Amino acid sequence: MTHLEQTIRAVILRGDARGYVAECVDFALVTLGRMLDKTVQILREATALHLDGQHLTTLGLRDN
């Protein structure tokens, strides 16, 4: 198993009174969370699921 490390940019904004909205800048991915740390965790998990099995170069990411 190879290890791939790349920076993927995201923006996290305060949503309505119920929490935060995280949006990936590099590809279409949006998540929600009630607390900031939980929002970051959800974003990381969603990103991993989104990238699982993808050819990274088609997403504009470096494939090691």
Protein backbone atom coordinates (compact mmCIF):
# COMPACT_ATOMS: atom_id res chain seq x y z
CA MET A 1 0.00 0.00 0.00
CA THR A 2 1.40 3.38 -0.97
CA HIS A 3 0.93 6.51 1.05
CA LEU A 4 -0.21 9.63 -0.79
CA GLU A 5 0.10 13.02 0.77
CA GLN A 6 -1.28 16.12 -0.93
CA THR A 7 -2.84 19.30 0.29
CA ILE A 8 -6.50 19.60 -0.54
CA ARG A 9 -7.95 23.04 0.08
CA ALA A 10 -11.26 23.58 1.82
CA VAL A 11 -13.19 26.52 3.20
CA ILE A 12 -15.15 26.24 6.44
CA LEU A 13 -17.77 28.87 7.17
CA ARG A 14 -20.17 29.35 10.02
CA GLY A 15 -23.55 28.22 8.77
CA ASP A 16 -26.82 29.05 10.42
CA ALA A 17 -27.23 28.70 14.18
CA ARG A 18 -26.77 24.93 13.89
CA GLY A 19 -23.11 24.73 12.89
CA TYR A 20 -20.58 24.93 10.08
CA VAL A 21 -20.40 24.32 6.34
CA ALA A 22 -17.20 22.91 4.82
CA GLU A 23 -16.64 23.11 1.07
CA CYS A 24 -13.71 21.57 -0.76
CA VAL A 25 -12.10 24.02 -3.19
CA ASP A 26 -10.40 21.40 -5.38
CA PHE A 27 -13.44 19.27 -6.24
CA ALA A 28 -17.18 19.16 -5.57
CA LEU A 29 -17.61 18.19 -1.92
CA VAL A 30 -19.67 19.92 0.77
CA THR A 31 -20.23 18.73 4.35
CA LEU A 32 -21.98 20.03 7.45
CA GLY A 33 -21.22 19.76 11.15
CA ARG A 34 -22.49 21.19 14.43
CA MET A 35 -19.05 21.87 15.93
CA LEU A 36 -15.87 22.98 14.14
CA ASP A 37 -13.77 19.96 15.12
CA LYS A 38 -16.56 17.58 14.08
CA THR A 39 -16.94 19.43 10.76
CA VAL A 40 -13.23 18.95 10.03
CA GLN A 41 -13.47 15.25 10.93
CA ILE A 42 -16.51 14.78 8.66
CA LEU A 43 -14.73 16.64 5.83
CA ARG A 44 -11.66 14.38 6.13
CA GLU A 45 -13.80 11.23 6.08
CA ALA A 46 -15.89 12.46 3.15
CA THR A 47 -12.75 13.39 1.21
CA ALA A 48 -11.23 9.94 1.78
CA LEU A 49 -14.45 8.29 0.58
CA HIS A 50 -14.66 10.60 -2.43
CA LEU A 51 -11.08 9.83 -3.49
CA ASP A 52 -11.23 6.09 -2.82
CA GLY A 53 -10.68 4.25 -6.09
CA GLN A 54 -10.44 7.46 -8.17
CA HIS A 55 -7.70 8.21 -10.66
CA LEU A 56 -6.31 11.25 -8.89
CA THR A 57 -4.92 12.86 -12.03
CA THR A 58 -8.46 13.17 -13.45
CA LEU A 59 -9.28 15.31 -10.40
CA GLY A 60 -6.22 17.48 -10.94
CA LEU A 61 -4.33 15.84 -8.05
CA ARG A 62 -0.89 14.26 -8.11
CA ASP A 63 -0.89 10.47 -8.31
CA ASN A 64 2.31 9.10 -6.70
